[in-house]
Amino acid sequence: MSVAFTREEDLEATAADLPDRPISPHPNLVTLSGLAQIEAALADARAAYNAAQSSGTIESDRTPMARAARDLRYWSARRASAQLVETVADGRVRFGGSVAIEREDGRTQTWRITGEDEADPAAGSVSHVSPLARALVGKRVGDEASVAGQTVEVVAVD
């Protein structure tokens, strides 16, 4: 449907009703690289907000400003609650470290345990609150854990 067939109130409601991004109830643990990612996202959000504010958007198109304000609120809250965790290698699976597991079918996978905003399973990192991380934290090489109904063995800890 064309914008020509919408009422101005509908467009304003869309921008005004843009929901905030949900903030996790878990502690916002971050690695050094995760903290840098949050700070970069916060800087990007500030730049987007300033750009939207200075663009002089017409009254009926407040969506860019609403999005920018929402992202700025989210990243400000995440930066304010960030808890930098620096850990020492002790041979156990821990936050910020990597773990290699061997699955029952013989596949070996390596995961890095990170903060929620830094987690990217496609790139090999999982959040510390994920079921995988929760099952593995504290384990040592040779220990077994149950992950997604399967038994996995820890084969390396870094």
Protein backbone atom coordinates (compact mmCIF):
# COMPACT_ATOMS: atom_id res chain seq x y z
CA MET A 1 0.00 0.00 0.00
CA SER A 2 1.29 3.45 -0.90
CA VAL A 3 2.08 5.99 1.79
CA ALA A 4 -0.39 8.25 0.00
CA PHE A 5 -3.18 6.10 1.40
CA THR A 6 -2.14 6.37 5.04
CA ARG A 7 -3.07 8.96 7.58
CA GLU A 8 -0.43 11.19 9.16
CA GLU A 9 -1.49 9.92 12.59
CA ASP A 10 -0.59 6.36 11.50
CA LEU A 11 2.94 7.42 10.55
CA GLU A 12 3.41 9.30 13.80
CA ALA A 13 2.12 6.35 15.80
CA THR A 14 4.64 4.07 14.07
CA ALA A 15 7.55 6.27 15.14
CA ALA A 16 6.20 6.96 18.62
CA ASP A 17 5.29 3.31 19.29
CA LEU A 18 8.69 1.94 18.33
CA PRO A 19 9.41 -0.38 21.26
CA ASP A 20 12.68 -0.23 23.15
CA ARG A 21 15.17 -2.98 22.55
CA PRO A 22 14.91 -5.48 25.40
CA ILE A 23 17.65 -5.32 28.02
CA SER A 24 18.78 -8.68 29.33
CA PRO A 25 18.13 -9.41 33.02
CA HIS A 26 21.51 -11.18 33.25
CA PRO A 27 24.70 -9.46 34.41
CA ASN A 28 26.29 -7.63 31.47
CA LEU A 29 29.65 -9.39 31.55
CA VAL A 30 31.99 -8.28 28.76
CA THR A 31 35.42 -9.14 27.43
CA LEU A 32 37.80 -6.37 26.42
CA SER A 33 36.80 -6.79 22.77
CA GLY A 34 33.12 -6.90 23.76
CA LEU A 35 33.50 -3.61 25.62
CA ALA A 36 35.11 -2.08 22.52
CA GLN A 37 32.18 -3.32 20.41
CA ILE A 38 29.68 -1.74 22.81
CA GLU A 39 31.57 1.57 22.77
CA ALA A 40 31.69 1.52 18.94
CA ALA A 41 27.96 0.78 18.77
CA LEU A 42 27.29 3.61 21.24
CA ALA A 43 29.35 6.02 19.11
CA ASP A 44 27.44 4.90 16.00
CA ALA A 45 24.13 5.39 17.82
CA ARG A 46 25.15 8.91 18.90
CA ALA A 47 26.15 9.76 15.33
CA ALA A 48 22.86 8.41 13.96
CA TYR A 49 20.90 10.37 16.57
CA ASN A 50 22.76 13.59 15.77
CA ALA A 51 22.27 13.01 12.03
CA ALA A 52 18.54 12.38 12.47
CA GLN A 53 18.22 15.42 14.71
CA SER A 54 20.02 17.73 12.30
CA SER A 55 18.32 16.41 9.16
CA GLY A 56 15.20 18.36 10.00
CA THR A 57 12.88 15.43 9.38
CA ILE A 58 9.35 16.42 8.55
CA GLU A 59 6.79 16.02 11.26
CA SER A 60 5.20 12.96 9.62
CA ASP A 61 8.47 11.01 9.32
CA ARG A 62 9.88 10.65 12.79
CA THR A 63 10.91 7.03 12.32
CA PRO A 64 14.67 7.67 11.77
CA MET A 65 14.77 9.82 14.91
CA ALA A 66 12.81 7.23 16.91
CA ARG A 67 15.15 4.44 15.78
CA ALA A 68 18.23 6.49 16.58
CA ALA A 69 16.88 7.43 20.03
CA ARG A 70 15.96 3.81 20.76
CA ASP A 71 19.44 2.56 19.80
CA LEU A 72 21.09 5.32 21.80
CA ARG A 73 19.07 4.35 24.90
CA TYR A 74 19.94 0.66 24.44
CA TRP A 75 23.69 1.11 23.93
CA SER A 76 23.90 3.71 26.72
CA ALA A 77 22.28 1.25 29.11
CA ARG A 78 24.54 -1.60 27.96
CA ARG A 79 27.66 0.55 28.39
CA ALA A 80 26.54 1.72 31.83
CA SER A 81 25.96 -1.84 33.02
CA ALA A 82 29.03 -3.43 31.40
CA GLN A 83 31.23 -5.41 33.78
CA LEU A 84 34.66 -6.05 32.31
CA VAL A 85 35.85 -9.54 33.22
CA GLU A 86 39.52 -10.35 32.96
CA THR A 87 40.18 -13.96 33.75
CA VAL A 88 43.31 -15.96 34.35
CA ALA A 89 43.75 -19.29 32.57
CA ASP A 90 43.46 -22.06 35.15
CA GLY A 91 42.70 -25.05 32.95
CA ARG A 92 38.93 -24.65 33.33
CA VAL A 93 36.31 -23.46 30.86
CA ARG A 94 35.65 -19.84 31.77
CA PHE A 95 34.17 -16.57 30.57
CA GLY A 96 36.36 -15.04 27.86
CA GLY A 97 38.11 -18.32 27.10
CA SER A 98 37.75 -20.88 24.35
CA VAL A 99 36.73 -24.50 24.66
CA ALA A 100 36.85 -27.32 22.14
CA ILE A 101 34.30 -30.09 22.52
CA GLU A 102 33.88 -33.42 20.81
CA ARG A 103 30.33 -34.51 20.12
CA GLU A 104 29.03 -38.09 20.15
CA ASP A 105 29.14 -38.19 16.33
CA GLY A 106 32.88 -37.35 16.35
CA ARG A 107 32.57 -33.68 15.34
CA THR A 108 34.84 -31.27 17.14
CA GLN A 109 33.68 -27.70 17.70
CA THR A 110 35.44 -24.75 19.29
CA TRP A 111 33.54 -22.00 21.07
CA ARG A 112 34.56 -18.79 22.81
CA ILE A 113 32.40 -17.78 25.77
CA THR A 114 31.59 -14.06 25.64
CA GLY A 115 29.08 -11.44 26.68
CA GLU A 116 25.59 -11.37 25.22
CA ASP A 117 26.18 -8.44 22.85
CA GLU A 118 29.42 -9.96 21.59
CA ALA A 119 28.09 -13.48 20.99
CA ASP A 120 28.00 -14.64 17.37
CA PRO A 121 27.51 -18.40 17.03
CA ALA A 122 28.25 -18.27 13.29
CA ALA A 123 31.69 -16.87 14.19
CA GLY A 124 32.26 -19.36 17.02
CA SER A 125 31.30 -17.33 20.08
CA VAL A 126 28.42 -17.98 22.46
CA SER A 127 26.95 -15.97 25.28
CA HIS A 128 27.81 -16.88 28.85
CA VAL A 129 24.09 -17.34 29.50
CA SER A 130 23.60 -19.83 26.65
CA PRO A 131 22.81 -23.43 27.59
CA LEU A 132 26.08 -24.54 25.96
CA ALA A 133 28.20 -22.15 28.03
CA ARG A 134 26.32 -22.93 31.23
CA ALA A 135 26.92 -26.66 30.72
CA LEU A 136 30.64 -26.19 30.08
CA VAL A 137 31.81 -23.45 32.47
CA GLY A 138 34.08 -24.91 35.13
CA LYS A 139 34.84 -28.11 33.21
CA ARG A 140 38.37 -29.32 32.45
CA VAL A 141 39.86 -31.32 29.58
CA GLY A 142 38.42 -34.82 29.74
CA ASP A 143 35.23 -33.80 31.54
CA GLU A 144 31.87 -34.55 29.99
CA ALA A 145 28.74 -32.42 29.86
CA SER A 146 25.22 -32.78 28.53
CA VAL A 147 24.47 -30.33 25.74
CA ALA A 148 21.17 -30.39 23.86
CA GLY A 149 20.51 -33.94 25.03
CA GLN A 150 23.90 -35.21 23.88
CA THR A 151 27.04 -35.97 25.81
CA VAL A 152 30.07 -33.92 24.80
CA GLU A 153 33.64 -34.19 25.98
CA VAL A 154 35.90 -31.22 26.63
CA VAL A 155 39.02 -31.81 24.51
CA ALA A 156 40.79 -28.44 24.86
CA VAL A 157 40.57 -25.32 27.02
CA ASP A 158 42.30 -22.07 26.15
